[in-house]
Amino acid sequence: MRRIVQVLGTPARFPGARLLYVLPHADDELFAAGLLFANAGLPQTLVWLTHGGLLPRLRAGERRRMATMLRQRLGVACYSLELPDGGLDAQHERASALLEGLAAGPTIVVTTDPEGEHGDHDAAFALCERLARGRRLVTVPCYDRGWRWGRRVGVPRGGAVSWCHERMGKRLARLRLRLALGYPSQWVFLLPMLASGGARFLTTQCWREALAAL
């Protein structure tokens, strides 16, 4: 049974939009979970660019289960391009060709912010700069310029960049926990991140509007 939750009256909801999430790895949707949640009921497509590296069979099973959950709960269609992990910057032309059909309809492209801490995250942003071509390009923070124990994951500090913050409470926290627990192969990374980010990360979605290439 499909369970599509609609969240109205929140800045994180983009009325009338068609959203395409282009994310480097399965589990990166954790950082965009608030946007996925807020825009449930709108056309949303999520693309994982890489196969995720080690333990390919386990990772593939995790992707299938999370894709099913996102489709049933939020109406999100998920795809995986299975590009090599860790070398996305060398795969731009191939990724662009594979994304061509999926990128034709969306009005908003969402990807990871270029924080300089993970090459694939920065490469995904560079890819989406070209992919968006004047459409709205939205990015989500992942590591707050490099997450460390005691730093706030996913809720960036102030500065020159203007970030939007939306508190979504327990429903977002439940979704983020469900996503994190759905990737056992990544618990060694995800669980310390959840502990570092704490309740603020679990309940708050951050994003910013980026300028796409013309």
N, C-alpha and C. Protein backbone atom coordinates (compact mmCIF):
# COMPACT_ATOMS: atom_id res chain seq x y z
N MET A 1 0.85 -1.19 0.00
CA MET A 1 0.00 0.00 0.00
C MET A 1 0.88 1.24 0.00
N ARG A 2 0.60 2.18 -0.89
CA ARG A 2 1.40 3.39 -0.98
C ARG A 2 1.05 4.35 0.14
N ARG A 3 2.07 4.86 0.80
CA ARG A 3 1.87 5.84 1.87
C ARG A 3 2.59 7.11 1.46
N ILE A 4 1.86 8.06 0.88
CA ILE A 4 2.46 9.31 0.44
C ILE A 4 1.99 10.41 1.37
N VAL A 5 2.94 10.98 2.09
CA VAL A 5 2.66 12.04 3.05
C VAL A 5 2.87 13.38 2.37
N GLN A 6 1.91 14.26 2.44
CA GLN A 6 2.06 15.60 1.87
C GLN A 6 2.26 16.61 2.99
N VAL A 7 3.27 17.45 2.85
CA VAL A 7 3.58 18.47 3.83
C VAL A 7 3.35 19.82 3.18
N LEU A 8 2.37 20.56 3.67
CA LEU A 8 2.02 21.84 3.08
C LEU A 8 2.52 22.98 3.96
N GLY A 9 2.70 24.15 3.35
CA GLY A 9 3.06 25.33 4.12
C GLY A 9 4.46 25.33 4.67
N THR A 10 5.39 24.65 4.03
CA THR A 10 6.78 24.65 4.47
C THR A 10 7.65 25.21 3.35
N PRO A 11 8.66 26.03 3.67
CA PRO A 11 9.53 26.56 2.62
C PRO A 11 10.26 25.47 1.83
N ALA A 12 10.40 24.30 2.42
CA ALA A 12 11.10 23.20 1.75
C ALA A 12 10.24 22.53 0.69
N ARG A 13 8.96 22.90 0.61
CA ARG A 13 8.09 22.35 -0.44
C ARG A 13 8.08 23.32 -1.61
N PHE A 14 8.25 22.78 -2.82
CA PHE A 14 8.33 23.60 -4.03
C PHE A 14 7.09 23.31 -4.88
N PRO A 15 6.00 24.04 -4.66
CA PRO A 15 4.73 23.73 -5.34
C PRO A 15 4.88 23.72 -6.87
N GLY A 16 4.32 22.68 -7.48
CA GLY A 16 4.32 22.58 -8.93
C GLY A 16 5.62 22.12 -9.53
N ALA A 17 6.62 21.85 -8.71
CA ALA A 17 7.94 21.48 -9.23
C ALA A 17 8.01 19.99 -9.58
N ARG A 18 8.95 19.66 -10.43
CA ARG A 18 9.35 18.28 -10.69
C ARG A 18 10.83 18.19 -10.30
N LEU A 19 11.13 17.35 -9.35
CA LEU A 19 12.47 17.34 -8.74
C LEU A 19 13.28 16.13 -9.19
N LEU A 20 14.55 16.40 -9.48
CA LEU A 20 15.52 15.35 -9.79
C LEU A 20 16.66 15.45 -8.79
N TYR A 21 16.86 14.41 -7.99
CA TYR A 21 17.96 14.34 -7.03
C TYR A 21 19.09 13.53 -7.67
N VAL A 22 20.24 14.13 -7.83
CA VAL A 22 21.40 13.46 -8.41
C VAL A 22 22.44 13.35 -7.30
N LEU A 23 22.60 12.15 -6.76
CA LEU A 23 23.41 11.94 -5.55
C LEU A 23 24.54 10.95 -5.85
N PRO A 24 25.72 11.17 -5.29
CA PRO A 24 26.86 10.31 -5.60
C PRO A 24 26.67 8.86 -5.17
N HIS A 25 26.11 8.64 -3.97
CA HIS A 25 26.04 7.30 -3.41
C HIS A 25 24.67 7.03 -2.79
N ALA A 26 24.30 5.76 -2.76
CA ALA A 26 23.15 5.36 -1.96
C ALA A 26 23.52 5.55 -0.50
N ASP A 27 22.77 6.31 0.18
CA ASP A 27 22.82 6.78 1.57
C ASP A 27 22.94 8.30 1.62
N ASP A 28 23.34 8.95 0.49
CA ASP A 28 23.43 10.41 0.47
C ASP A 28 22.05 11.07 0.52
N GLU A 29 21.00 10.30 0.23
CA GLU A 29 19.64 10.87 0.37
C GLU A 29 19.33 11.21 1.82
N LEU A 30 20.11 10.68 2.75
CA LEU A 30 19.97 11.05 4.15
C LEU A 30 20.04 12.57 4.32
N PHE A 31 20.92 13.22 3.54
CA PHE A 31 21.13 14.65 3.67
C PHE A 31 20.04 15.47 2.99
N ALA A 32 19.30 14.85 2.07
CA ALA A 32 18.20 15.54 1.38
C ALA A 32 16.85 15.04 1.84
N ALA A 33 16.82 14.29 2.93
CA ALA A 33 15.58 13.63 3.36
C ALA A 33 14.45 14.61 3.61
N GLY A 34 14.77 15.79 4.14
CA GLY A 34 13.73 16.78 4.42
C GLY A 34 13.07 17.28 3.15
N LEU A 35 13.85 17.44 2.07
CA LEU A 35 13.27 17.86 0.79
C LEU A 35 12.42 16.74 0.19
N LEU A 36 12.90 15.51 0.27
CA LEU A 36 12.10 14.37 -0.20
C LEU A 36 10.78 14.30 0.55
N PHE A 37 10.85 14.49 1.85
CA PHE A 37 9.66 14.42 2.71
C PHE A 37 8.70 15.56 2.42
N ALA A 38 9.23 16.79 2.33
CA ALA A 38 8.38 17.96 2.14
C ALA A 38 7.70 17.97 0.79
N ASN A 39 8.32 17.33 -0.22
CA ASN A 39 7.78 17.36 -1.57
C ASN A 39 7.09 16.06 -1.97
N ALA A 40 6.77 15.23 -0.99
CA ALA A 40 6.01 14.01 -1.26
C ALA A 40 4.71 14.36 -1.99
N GLY A 41 4.39 13.58 -2.99
CA GLY A 41 3.20 13.82 -3.79
C GLY A 41 3.50 14.58 -5.07
N LEU A 42 4.65 15.27 -5.13
CA LEU A 42 5.12 15.88 -6.36
C LEU A 42 5.98 14.87 -7.12
N PRO A 43 6.15 15.05 -8.43
CA PRO A 43 7.04 14.15 -9.17
C PRO A 43 8.49 14.27 -8.67
N GLN A 44 9.02 13.20 -8.11
CA GLN A 44 10.39 13.20 -7.60
C GLN A 44 11.13 11.96 -8.12
N THR A 45 12.31 12.21 -8.65
CA THR A 45 13.17 11.13 -9.15
C THR A 45 14.51 11.24 -8.46
N LEU A 46 15.03 10.12 -8.00
CA LEU A 46 16.33 10.08 -7.31
C LEU A 46 17.26 9.17 -8.09
N VAL A 47 18.46 9.66 -8.36
CA VAL A 47 19.47 8.89 -9.09
C VAL A 47 20.72 8.77 -8.24
N TRP A 48 21.13 7.53 -7.97
CA TRP A 48 22.42 7.28 -7.34
C TRP A 48 23.45 7.10 -8.46
N LEU A 49 24.50 7.87 -8.45
CA LEU A 49 25.46 7.85 -9.55
C LEU A 49 26.39 6.65 -9.52
N THR A 50 26.87 6.28 -8.33
CA THR A 50 27.89 5.22 -8.24
C THR A 50 27.34 3.97 -7.57
N HIS A 51 28.09 2.88 -7.71
CA HIS A 51 27.67 1.62 -7.09
C HIS A 51 28.05 1.52 -5.62
N GLY A 52 28.80 2.48 -5.11
CA GLY A 52 29.07 2.54 -3.68
C GLY A 52 30.33 1.85 -3.22
N GLY A 53 31.10 1.24 -4.13
CA GLY A 53 32.40 0.70 -3.75
C GLY A 53 32.37 -0.73 -3.28
N LEU A 54 32.89 -0.99 -2.07
CA LEU A 54 33.06 -2.34 -1.56
C LEU A 54 31.72 -3.02 -1.29
N LEU A 55 31.74 -4.35 -1.20
CA LEU A 55 30.56 -5.16 -0.89
C LEU A 55 29.42 -4.89 -1.88
N PRO A 56 29.65 -5.10 -3.18
CA PRO A 56 28.66 -4.71 -4.18
C PRO A 56 27.31 -5.40 -4.04
N ARG A 57 27.30 -6.69 -3.67
CA ARG A 57 26.01 -7.37 -3.52
C ARG A 57 25.22 -6.82 -2.34
N LEU A 58 25.90 -6.58 -1.23
CA LEU A 58 25.23 -6.01 -0.07
C LEU A 58 24.71 -4.62 -0.39
N ARG A 59 25.53 -3.81 -1.05
CA ARG A 59 25.12 -2.45 -1.39
C ARG A 59 23.93 -2.46 -2.35
N ALA A 60 23.93 -3.40 -3.30
CA ALA A 60 22.81 -3.48 -4.25
C ALA A 60 21.52 -3.84 -3.53
N GLY A 61 21.59 -4.74 -2.56
CA GLY A 61 20.41 -5.10 -1.78
C GLY A 61 19.90 -3.94 -0.95
N GLU A 62 20.81 -3.19 -0.39
CA GLU A 62 20.42 -2.00 0.38
C GLU A 62 19.70 -0.99 -0.51
N ARG A 63 20.24 -0.77 -1.71
CA ARG A 63 19.60 0.18 -2.63
C ARG A 63 18.20 -0.27 -2.99
N ARG A 64 18.03 -1.54 -3.27
CA ARG A 64 16.69 -2.04 -3.64
C ARG A 64 15.70 -1.82 -2.51
N ARG A 65 16.11 -2.13 -1.28
CA ARG A 65 15.19 -1.96 -0.15
C ARG A 65 14.86 -0.49 0.09
N MET A 66 15.86 0.38 0.00
CA MET A 66 15.60 1.79 0.22
C MET A 66 14.78 2.39 -0.92
N ALA A 67 15.01 1.92 -2.14
CA ALA A 67 14.21 2.39 -3.27
C ALA A 67 12.75 2.02 -3.08
N THR A 68 12.50 0.81 -2.61
CA THR A 68 11.12 0.37 -2.36
C THR A 68 10.49 1.22 -1.26
N MET A 69 11.22 1.46 -0.19
CA MET A 69 10.69 2.27 0.91
C MET A 69 10.36 3.68 0.44
N LEU A 70 11.26 4.31 -0.31
CA LEU A 70 11.04 5.68 -0.77
C LEU A 70 9.88 5.77 -1.75
N ARG A 71 9.73 4.75 -2.58
CA ARG A 71 8.60 4.74 -3.51
C ARG A 71 7.28 4.59 -2.78
N GLN A 72 7.23 3.68 -1.83
CA GLN A 72 5.98 3.42 -1.12
C GLN A 72 5.58 4.55 -0.19
N ARG A 73 6.55 5.14 0.49
CA ARG A 73 6.23 6.16 1.49
C ARG A 73 6.11 7.56 0.91
N LEU A 74 6.95 7.87 -0.09
CA LEU A 74 7.02 9.24 -0.58
C LEU A 74 6.75 9.38 -2.07
N GLY A 75 6.57 8.27 -2.77
CA GLY A 75 6.32 8.32 -4.20
C GLY A 75 7.53 8.67 -5.04
N VAL A 76 8.74 8.37 -4.54
CA VAL A 76 9.99 8.71 -5.23
C VAL A 76 10.42 7.55 -6.13
N ALA A 77 10.72 7.84 -7.38
CA ALA A 77 11.25 6.84 -8.30
C ALA A 77 12.78 6.86 -8.22
N CYS A 78 13.39 5.70 -7.97
CA CYS A 78 14.84 5.63 -7.75
C CYS A 78 15.53 4.85 -8.86
N TYR A 79 16.72 5.32 -9.24
CA TYR A 79 17.54 4.67 -10.26
C TYR A 79 19.00 4.67 -9.78
N SER A 80 19.78 3.71 -10.28
CA SER A 80 21.21 3.66 -9.98
C SER A 80 21.98 3.51 -11.28
N LEU A 81 22.98 4.39 -11.50
CA LEU A 81 23.77 4.35 -12.72
C LEU A 81 24.95 3.39 -12.64
N GLU A 82 25.32 2.97 -11.42
CA GLU A 82 26.37 1.98 -11.23
C GLU A 82 27.74 2.42 -11.76
N LEU A 83 28.02 3.71 -11.68
CA LEU A 83 29.34 4.19 -12.08
C LEU A 83 30.37 3.86 -11.00
N PRO A 84 31.65 3.83 -11.34
CA PRO A 84 32.68 3.49 -10.34
C PRO A 84 32.70 4.47 -9.18
N ASP A 85 32.82 3.94 -7.98
CA ASP A 85 32.90 4.76 -6.79
C ASP A 85 34.29 5.36 -6.67
N GLY A 86 34.36 6.61 -6.25
CA GLY A 86 35.65 7.24 -6.02
C GLY A 86 36.29 7.86 -7.24
N GLY A 87 35.66 7.75 -8.40
CA GLY A 87 36.25 8.34 -9.61
C GLY A 87 35.23 9.06 -10.45
N LEU A 88 34.26 9.66 -9.80
CA LEU A 88 33.15 10.29 -10.51
C LEU A 88 33.59 11.47 -11.36
N ASP A 89 34.66 12.13 -10.94
CA ASP A 89 35.12 13.30 -11.71
C ASP A 89 35.58 12.91 -13.10
N ALA A 90 35.93 11.63 -13.31
CA ALA A 90 36.36 11.17 -14.63
C ALA A 90 35.21 10.57 -15.43
N GLN A 91 34.00 10.63 -14.89
CA GLN A 91 32.85 9.98 -15.53
C GLN A 91 31.76 10.97 -15.95
N HIS A 92 32.11 12.25 -16.08
CA HIS A 92 31.09 13.27 -16.35
C HIS A 92 30.36 13.02 -17.66
N GLU A 93 31.10 12.72 -18.73
CA GLU A 93 30.44 12.54 -20.03
C GLU A 93 29.52 11.32 -20.01
N ARG A 94 29.99 10.24 -19.43
CA ARG A 94 29.16 9.04 -19.35
C ARG A 94 27.93 9.30 -18.48
N ALA A 95 28.13 9.95 -17.34
CA ALA A 95 27.01 10.24 -16.46
C ALA A 95 25.99 11.15 -17.15
N SER A 96 26.47 12.16 -17.86
CA SER A 96 25.57 13.07 -18.56
C SER A 96 24.73 12.33 -19.59
N ALA A 97 25.36 11.40 -20.31
CA ALA A 97 24.63 10.62 -21.32
C ALA A 97 23.57 9.73 -20.66
N LEU A 98 23.92 9.10 -19.54
CA LEU A 98 22.98 8.22 -18.86
C LEU A 98 21.83 8.99 -18.23
N LEU A 99 22.09 10.23 -17.84
CA LEU A 99 21.06 11.05 -17.20
C LEU A 99 20.19 11.80 -18.20
N GLU A 100 20.53 11.77 -19.46
CA GLU A 100 19.88 12.63 -20.44
C GLU A 100 18.36 12.50 -20.43
N GLY A 101 17.85 11.28 -20.44
CA GLY A 101 16.41 11.08 -20.45
C GLY A 101 15.74 11.53 -19.16
N LEU A 102 16.35 11.20 -18.03
CA LEU A 102 15.76 11.54 -16.74
C LEU A 102 15.79 13.04 -16.48
N ALA A 103 16.75 13.73 -17.08
CA ALA A 103 16.93 15.15 -16.81
C ALA A 103 16.07 16.04 -17.69
N ALA A 104 15.32 15.47 -18.62
CA ALA A 104 14.56 16.27 -19.57
C ALA A 104 13.39 17.00 -18.92
N GLY A 105 12.72 16.37 -17.95
CA GLY A 105 11.50 16.94 -17.40
C GLY A 105 11.61 17.77 -16.14
N PRO A 106 12.50 17.46 -15.20
CA PRO A 106 12.52 18.17 -13.91
C PRO A 106 12.78 19.66 -14.03
N THR A 107 12.19 20.41 -13.11
CA THR A 107 12.39 21.86 -13.05
C THR A 107 13.39 22.25 -11.96
N ILE A 108 13.68 21.33 -11.04
CA ILE A 108 14.65 21.57 -9.96
C ILE A 108 15.59 20.38 -9.89
N VAL A 109 16.88 20.65 -9.86
CA VAL A 109 17.89 19.61 -9.68
C VAL A 109 18.50 19.78 -8.29
N VAL A 110 18.57 18.70 -7.54
CA VAL A 110 19.10 18.71 -6.17
C VAL A 110 20.34 17.83 -6.12
N THR A 111 21.40 18.31 -5.52
CA THR A 111 22.61 17.52 -5.40
C THR A 111 23.38 17.92 -4.14
N THR A 112 24.54 17.34 -3.96
CA THR A 112 25.37 17.60 -2.78
C THR A 112 26.16 18.90 -2.96
N ASP A 113 26.33 19.62 -1.86
CA ASP A 113 27.08 20.87 -1.91
C ASP A 113 28.57 20.57 -2.06
N PRO A 114 29.30 21.39 -2.83
CA PRO A 114 30.74 21.15 -3.00
C PRO A 114 31.52 21.62 -1.78
N GLU A 115 31.74 20.73 -0.85
CA GLU A 115 32.37 21.10 0.42
C GLU A 115 33.87 20.82 0.47
N GLY A 116 34.38 20.13 -0.56
CA GLY A 116 35.81 19.88 -0.60
C GLY A 116 36.29 18.74 0.25
N GLU A 117 35.37 17.96 0.84
CA GLU A 117 35.77 16.85 1.70
C GLU A 117 35.61 15.49 1.03
N HIS A 118 34.88 15.43 -0.08
CA HIS A 118 34.65 14.16 -0.76
C HIS A 118 34.60 14.43 -2.25
N GLY A 119 35.54 13.82 -2.99
CA GLY A 119 35.65 14.09 -4.42
C GLY A 119 34.38 13.79 -5.19
N ASP A 120 33.69 12.70 -4.86
CA ASP A 120 32.48 12.35 -5.59
C ASP A 120 31.36 13.35 -5.34
N HIS A 121 31.28 13.90 -4.13
CA HIS A 121 30.27 14.91 -3.84
C HIS A 121 30.52 16.18 -4.65
N ASP A 122 31.78 16.59 -4.73
CA ASP A 122 32.12 17.77 -5.51
C ASP A 122 31.89 17.51 -7.00
N ALA A 123 32.20 16.30 -7.46
CA ALA A 123 32.00 15.95 -8.86
C ALA A 123 30.51 15.93 -9.22
N ALA A 124 29.68 15.47 -8.29
CA ALA A 124 28.24 15.46 -8.54
C ALA A 124 27.72 16.88 -8.71
N PHE A 125 28.23 17.81 -7.91
CA PHE A 125 27.83 19.21 -8.05
C PHE A 125 28.25 19.76 -9.41
N ALA A 126 29.48 19.50 -9.81
CA ALA A 126 29.97 19.98 -11.10
C ALA A 126 29.12 19.42 -12.24
N LEU A 127 28.75 18.15 -12.13
CA LEU A 127 27.89 17.53 -13.14
C LEU A 127 26.54 18.23 -13.20
N CYS A 128 25.97 18.51 -12.04
CA CYS A 128 24.63 19.11 -11.99
C CYS A 128 24.64 20.57 -12.41
N GLU A 129 25.76 21.26 -12.24
CA GLU A 129 25.86 22.63 -12.75
C GLU A 129 25.56 22.66 -14.24
N ARG A 130 26.10 21.68 -14.96
CA ARG A 130 25.86 21.62 -16.40
C ARG A 130 24.49 21.04 -16.70
N LEU A 131 24.09 20.07 -15.91
CA LEU A 131 22.82 19.39 -16.14
C LEU A 131 21.63 20.33 -15.98
N ALA A 132 21.71 21.23 -14.99
CA ALA A 132 20.58 22.11 -14.70
C ALA A 132 20.35 23.13 -15.81
N ARG A 133 21.40 23.66 -16.37
CA ARG A 133 21.32 24.60 -17.50
C ARG A 133 20.26 25.67 -17.31
N GLY A 134 20.45 26.48 -16.28
CA GLY A 134 19.55 27.60 -16.06
C GLY A 134 18.33 27.28 -15.21
N ARG A 135 18.04 26.00 -14.99
CA ARG A 135 16.96 25.64 -14.08
C ARG A 135 17.43 25.84 -12.65
N ARG A 136 16.53 25.68 -11.71
CA ARG A 136 16.90 25.84 -10.30
C ARG A 136 17.82 24.69 -9.90
N LEU A 137 18.91 25.04 -9.29
CA LEU A 137 19.87 24.06 -8.76
C LEU A 137 19.94 24.25 -7.26
N VAL A 138 19.60 23.22 -6.53
CA VAL A 138 19.55 23.25 -5.07
C VAL A 138 20.58 22.28 -4.52
N THR A 139 21.34 22.70 -3.51
CA THR A 139 22.31 21.80 -2.91
C THR A 139 22.01 21.60 -1.43
N VAL A 140 22.43 20.44 -0.93
CA VAL A 140 22.28 20.13 0.50
C VAL A 140 23.67 19.90 1.09
N PRO A 141 23.91 20.37 2.31
CA PRO A 141 25.21 20.15 2.95
C PRO A 141 25.29 18.73 3.49
N CYS A 142 26.48 18.19 3.47
CA CYS A 142 26.68 16.83 3.98
C CYS A 142 27.60 16.81 5.21
N TYR A 143 28.71 17.51 5.14
CA TYR A 143 29.72 17.39 6.18
C TYR A 143 30.04 18.69 6.90
N ASP A 144 29.33 19.77 6.60
CA ASP A 144 29.65 21.07 7.21
C ASP A 144 31.14 21.37 7.07
N ARG A 145 31.59 21.34 5.82
CA ARG A 145 33.01 21.56 5.51
C ARG A 145 33.91 20.54 6.17
N GLY A 146 33.44 19.34 6.30
CA GLY A 146 34.25 18.27 6.86
C GLY A 146 33.78 17.89 8.24
N TRP A 147 32.99 16.79 8.36
CA TRP A 147 32.46 16.45 9.68
C TRP A 147 33.54 15.79 10.53
N ARG A 148 33.50 16.14 11.77
CA ARG A 148 34.38 15.54 12.78
C ARG A 148 33.54 15.35 14.04
N TRP A 149 33.98 14.51 14.93
CA TRP A 149 33.25 14.31 16.17
C TRP A 149 33.06 15.65 16.88
N GLY A 150 31.83 15.95 17.25
CA GLY A 150 31.53 17.20 17.92
C GLY A 150 31.13 18.33 17.00
N ARG A 151 31.27 18.14 15.67
CA ARG A 151 30.83 19.16 14.74
C ARG A 151 29.42 18.82 14.27
N ARG A 152 28.71 19.82 13.82
CA ARG A 152 27.31 19.65 13.47
C ARG A 152 27.16 19.20 12.02
N VAL A 153 26.84 17.94 11.83
CA VAL A 153 26.70 17.38 10.49
C VAL A 153 25.44 17.92 9.85
N GLY A 154 25.54 18.37 8.62
CA GLY A 154 24.36 18.74 7.84
C GLY A 154 23.71 20.04 8.19
N VAL A 155 24.20 20.76 9.19
CA VAL A 155 23.65 22.07 9.57
C VAL A 155 24.81 23.06 9.55
N PRO A 156 25.09 23.65 8.39
CA PRO A 156 26.30 24.45 8.24
C PRO A 156 26.30 25.71 9.08
N ARG A 157 27.49 26.14 9.42
CA ARG A 157 27.65 27.40 10.15
C ARG A 157 27.36 28.58 9.24
N GLY A 158 27.21 29.74 9.83
CA GLY A 158 26.95 30.95 9.04
C GLY A 158 28.16 31.33 8.22
N GLY A 159 27.99 32.33 7.40
CA GLY A 159 29.07 32.77 6.54
C GLY A 159 28.50 33.47 5.32
N ALA A 160 29.29 33.49 4.25
CA ALA A 160 28.87 34.20 3.05
C ALA A 160 27.70 33.51 2.35
N VAL A 161 27.62 32.18 2.47
CA VAL A 161 26.56 31.43 1.79
C VAL A 161 25.27 31.57 2.58
N SER A 162 24.19 31.86 1.88
CA SER A 162 22.89 32.00 2.51
C SER A 162 22.17 30.65 2.50
N TRP A 163 22.01 30.05 3.68
CA TRP A 163 21.37 28.74 3.80
C TRP A 163 19.94 28.89 4.29
N CYS A 164 19.09 28.04 3.79
CA CYS A 164 17.73 27.91 4.31
C CYS A 164 17.72 26.78 5.33
N HIS A 165 17.02 26.98 6.43
CA HIS A 165 16.89 25.97 7.48
C HIS A 165 15.41 25.77 7.78
N GLU A 166 14.99 24.54 7.82
CA GLU A 166 13.59 24.25 8.14
C GLU A 166 13.53 23.13 9.18
N ARG A 167 12.96 23.44 10.32
CA ARG A 167 12.75 22.43 11.36
C ARG A 167 11.51 21.62 11.03
N MET A 168 11.66 20.31 10.95
CA MET A 168 10.55 19.44 10.55
C MET A 168 10.16 18.44 11.62
N GLY A 169 10.90 18.38 12.70
CA GLY A 169 10.49 17.60 13.85
C GLY A 169 10.64 16.09 13.72
N LYS A 170 9.79 15.41 14.44
CA LYS A 170 9.93 13.97 14.62
C LYS A 170 9.74 13.17 13.33
N ARG A 171 8.89 13.66 12.43
CA ARG A 171 8.65 12.89 11.21
C ARG A 171 9.91 12.83 10.34
N LEU A 172 10.64 13.95 10.25
CA LEU A 172 11.91 13.92 9.53
C LEU A 172 12.92 13.06 10.27
N ALA A 173 12.96 13.15 11.58
CA ALA A 173 13.89 12.32 12.36
C ALA A 173 13.65 10.85 12.11
N ARG A 174 12.39 10.44 12.07
CA ARG A 174 12.08 9.03 11.82
C ARG A 174 12.54 8.60 10.43
N LEU A 175 12.34 9.47 9.43
CA LEU A 175 12.78 9.14 8.08
C LEU A 175 14.29 9.03 8.00
N ARG A 176 15.00 9.98 8.61
CA ARG A 176 16.46 9.93 8.57
C ARG A 176 17.00 8.68 9.28
N LEU A 177 16.42 8.34 10.40
CA LEU A 177 16.85 7.13 11.11
C LEU A 177 16.56 5.89 10.28
N ARG A 178 15.40 5.87 9.62
CA ARG A 178 15.06 4.73 8.77
C ARG A 178 16.06 4.58 7.63
N LEU A 179 16.45 5.69 7.03
CA LEU A 179 17.43 5.65 5.96
C LEU A 179 18.79 5.19 6.47
N ALA A 180 19.22 5.74 7.59
CA ALA A 180 20.53 5.36 8.14
C ALA A 180 20.57 3.88 8.50
N LEU A 181 19.52 3.39 9.13
CA LEU A 181 19.50 1.98 9.54
C LEU A 181 19.34 1.04 8.35
N GLY A 182 18.91 1.59 7.20
CA GLY A 182 18.75 0.77 6.01
C GLY A 182 20.04 0.50 5.27
N TYR A 183 21.15 1.07 5.74
CA TYR A 183 22.45 0.87 5.09
C TYR A 183 23.46 0.30 6.08
N PRO A 184 23.32 -0.96 6.50
CA PRO A 184 24.25 -1.55 7.48
C PRO A 184 25.71 -1.46 7.04
N SER A 185 25.96 -1.53 5.73
CA SER A 185 27.35 -1.48 5.26
C SER A 185 28.00 -0.13 5.56
N GLN A 186 27.19 0.89 5.83
CA GLN A 186 27.71 2.23 6.06
C GLN A 186 27.59 2.69 7.51
N TRP A 187 27.18 1.78 8.40
CA TRP A 187 26.97 2.18 9.79
C TRP A 187 28.23 2.74 10.44
N VAL A 188 29.39 2.23 10.03
CA VAL A 188 30.64 2.71 10.62
C VAL A 188 30.83 4.21 10.36
N PHE A 189 30.23 4.71 9.27
CA PHE A 189 30.28 6.14 8.97
C PHE A 189 29.03 6.87 9.46
N LEU A 190 27.87 6.25 9.23
CA LEU A 190 26.61 6.96 9.49
C LEU A 190 26.31 7.13 10.97
N LEU A 191 26.58 6.12 11.77
CA LEU A 191 26.21 6.23 13.19
C LEU A 191 27.02 7.31 13.91
N PRO A 192 28.34 7.41 13.70
CA PRO A 192 29.05 8.55 14.31
C PRO A 192 28.56 9.90 13.79
N MET A 193 28.14 9.94 12.52
CA MET A 193 27.62 11.20 11.98
C MET A 193 26.32 11.59 12.66
N LEU A 194 25.44 10.61 12.89
CA LEU A 194 24.19 10.89 13.58
C LEU A 194 24.46 11.37 15.00
N ALA A 195 25.43 10.73 15.65
CA ALA A 195 25.77 11.15 17.01
C ALA A 195 26.34 12.56 17.01
N SER A 196 27.15 12.88 16.01
CA SER A 196 27.75 14.20 15.93
C SER A 196 26.71 15.27 15.63
N GLY A 197 25.79 14.97 14.72
CA GLY A 197 24.77 15.94 14.35
C GLY A 197 23.69 16.10 15.39
N GLY A 198 23.37 15.00 16.09
CA GLY A 198 22.39 15.05 17.16
C GLY A 198 20.99 15.36 16.68
N ALA A 199 20.15 15.81 17.60
CA ALA A 199 18.74 16.06 17.31
C ALA A 199 18.57 17.15 16.27
N ARG A 200 19.46 18.12 16.26
CA ARG A 200 19.32 19.22 15.32
C ARG A 200 19.42 18.72 13.89
N PHE A 201 20.39 17.85 13.63
CA PHE A 201 20.52 17.29 12.29
C PHE A 201 19.33 16.42 11.94
N LEU A 202 18.90 15.59 12.85
CA LEU A 202 17.80 14.67 12.57
C LEU A 202 16.51 15.41 12.22
N THR A 203 16.28 16.55 12.81
CA THR A 203 14.99 17.23 12.66
C THR A 203 15.03 18.44 11.73
N THR A 204 16.21 18.81 11.21
CA THR A 204 16.35 20.04 10.42
C THR A 204 16.86 19.74 9.02
N GLN A 205 16.21 20.32 8.03
CA GLN A 205 16.71 20.25 6.65
C GLN A 205 17.34 21.58 6.28
N CYS A 206 18.53 21.52 5.72
CA CYS A 206 19.22 22.70 5.22
C CYS A 206 19.40 22.58 3.71
N TRP A 207 19.33 23.69 3.01
CA TRP A 207 19.57 23.70 1.58
C TRP A 207 19.89 25.12 1.14
N ARG A 208 20.41 25.24 -0.05
CA ARG A 208 20.65 26.57 -0.61
C ARG A 208 20.41 26.51 -2.11
N GLU A 209 20.11 27.66 -2.67
CA GLU A 209 19.97 27.80 -4.12
C GLU A 209 21.36 28.08 -4.69
N ALA A 210 21.76 27.29 -5.67
CA ALA A 210 23.04 27.50 -6.33
C ALA A 210 22.78 28.02 -7.74
N LEU A 211 23.77 28.64 -8.33
CA LEU A 211 23.63 29.19 -9.66
C LEU A 211 24.11 28.16 -10.67
N ALA A 212 23.20 27.68 -11.50
CA ALA A 212 23.57 26.68 -12.50
C ALA A 212 24.24 27.35 -13.69
N ALA A 213 25.02 26.56 -14.41
CA ALA A 213 25.64 27.07 -15.61
C ALA A 213 24.58 27.38 -16.67
N LEU A 214 24.80 28.42 -17.44
CA LEU A 214 23.84 28.83 -18.47
C LEU A 214 24.05 28.02 -19.73
